[in-house]
Protein backbone atom coordinates (compact mmCIF):
# COMPACT_ATOMS: atom_id res chain seq x y z
CA MET A 1 16.68 13.13 -51.27
CA LYS A 2 16.23 12.12 -47.65
CA ALA A 3 19.88 12.93 -46.91
CA ALA A 4 19.57 16.36 -48.50
CA HIS A 5 16.45 17.15 -46.45
CA ARG A 6 18.13 15.88 -43.28
CA THR A 7 21.22 18.02 -43.88
CA ALA A 8 19.10 21.09 -44.66
CA SER A 9 17.12 20.59 -41.45
CA LEU A 10 20.33 21.14 -39.45
CA PHE A 11 20.97 24.68 -40.79
CA VAL A 12 21.01 27.48 -38.23
CA ASP A 13 20.84 31.26 -38.57
CA PRO A 14 23.70 33.54 -37.41
CA ARG A 15 22.27 33.53 -33.88
CA GLY A 16 22.22 29.73 -33.70
CA ASN A 17 18.46 29.32 -34.05
CA PRO A 18 17.13 26.56 -36.32
CA ASP A 19 16.69 27.84 -39.88
CA PRO A 20 16.14 24.81 -42.13
CA ALA A 21 16.35 25.31 -45.88
CA LYS A 22 13.33 24.65 -48.08
CA LEU A 23 14.54 22.21 -50.75
CA ASP A 24 12.22 22.23 -53.74
CA THR A 25 14.41 22.22 -56.88
CA VAL A 26 17.02 19.86 -58.32
CA VAL A 27 19.37 21.31 -60.98
CA VAL A 28 20.60 18.86 -63.62
CA LYS A 29 21.99 18.90 -67.16
CA THR A 30 19.34 18.35 -69.82
CA GLY A 31 19.35 14.77 -71.13
CA SER A 32 21.94 13.51 -68.63
CA ALA A 33 21.71 10.32 -66.59
CA ASN A 34 21.02 12.46 -63.52
CA TYR A 35 18.13 14.16 -65.33
CA PHE A 36 16.44 10.83 -66.02
CA LYS A 37 17.12 9.56 -62.49
CA ALA A 38 15.55 12.73 -61.05
CA MET A 39 12.51 12.17 -63.29
CA GLU A 40 12.18 8.58 -61.99
CA ILE A 41 12.49 9.66 -58.35
CA LYS A 42 10.02 12.53 -58.80
CA GLY A 43 7.49 10.24 -60.47
CA ALA A 44 7.67 7.69 -57.67
CA ILE A 45 7.34 10.36 -54.96
CA GLU A 46 4.33 11.92 -56.69
CA LYS A 47 2.65 8.50 -56.75
CA GLY A 48 3.34 8.12 -53.02
CA LYS A 49 5.88 5.34 -53.55
CA ILE A 50 9.46 4.88 -52.41
CA PRO A 51 11.82 5.34 -55.39
CA GLU A 52 13.45 2.08 -56.57
CA SER A 53 11.49 -0.01 -54.09
CA MET A 54 8.64 -2.46 -54.31
CA ASP A 55 7.45 -1.58 -50.80
CA ASN A 56 3.97 -0.17 -50.38
CA ASP A 57 5.17 2.41 -47.88
CA GLY A 58 4.77 6.09 -48.71
CA ALA A 59 7.59 8.35 -49.82
CA GLY A 60 9.34 10.10 -46.94
CA VAL A 61 10.04 13.37 -48.74
CA PRO A 62 7.93 15.92 -50.61
CA THR A 63 8.06 16.20 -54.38
CA PHE A 64 10.42 18.65 -56.07
CA ASN A 65 10.89 20.65 -59.27
CA ILE A 66 13.52 19.73 -61.86
CA LEU A 67 15.50 22.56 -63.45
CA ALA A 68 17.19 21.07 -66.53
CA LEU A 69 19.86 23.34 -68.02
CA ASP A 70 21.55 22.85 -71.39
CA TYR A 71 24.72 24.75 -70.63
CA LEU A 72 26.00 22.79 -67.62
CA THR A 73 29.37 21.29 -68.47
CA ASN A 74 29.48 18.56 -65.84
CA ALA A 75 26.57 16.13 -65.87
CA SER A 76 27.78 14.20 -62.81
CA TYR A 77 26.40 16.31 -59.98
């Protein structure tokens, strides 16, 4: 999630001015491993924790929405 936000912060408009994207939704296949991983990450971020860490530091990214779709054919990414 941090890498996606960092990459999006580097976007520029056609004139070269900074135009970062607003990342707020993750699209995954319903019931896939990625769906459950996104749920775990979202839950940790909403509790102010770092996903998959026992540190007491706060999460470095804002929470996001999960759009789970049944008809995706590739559950990998």
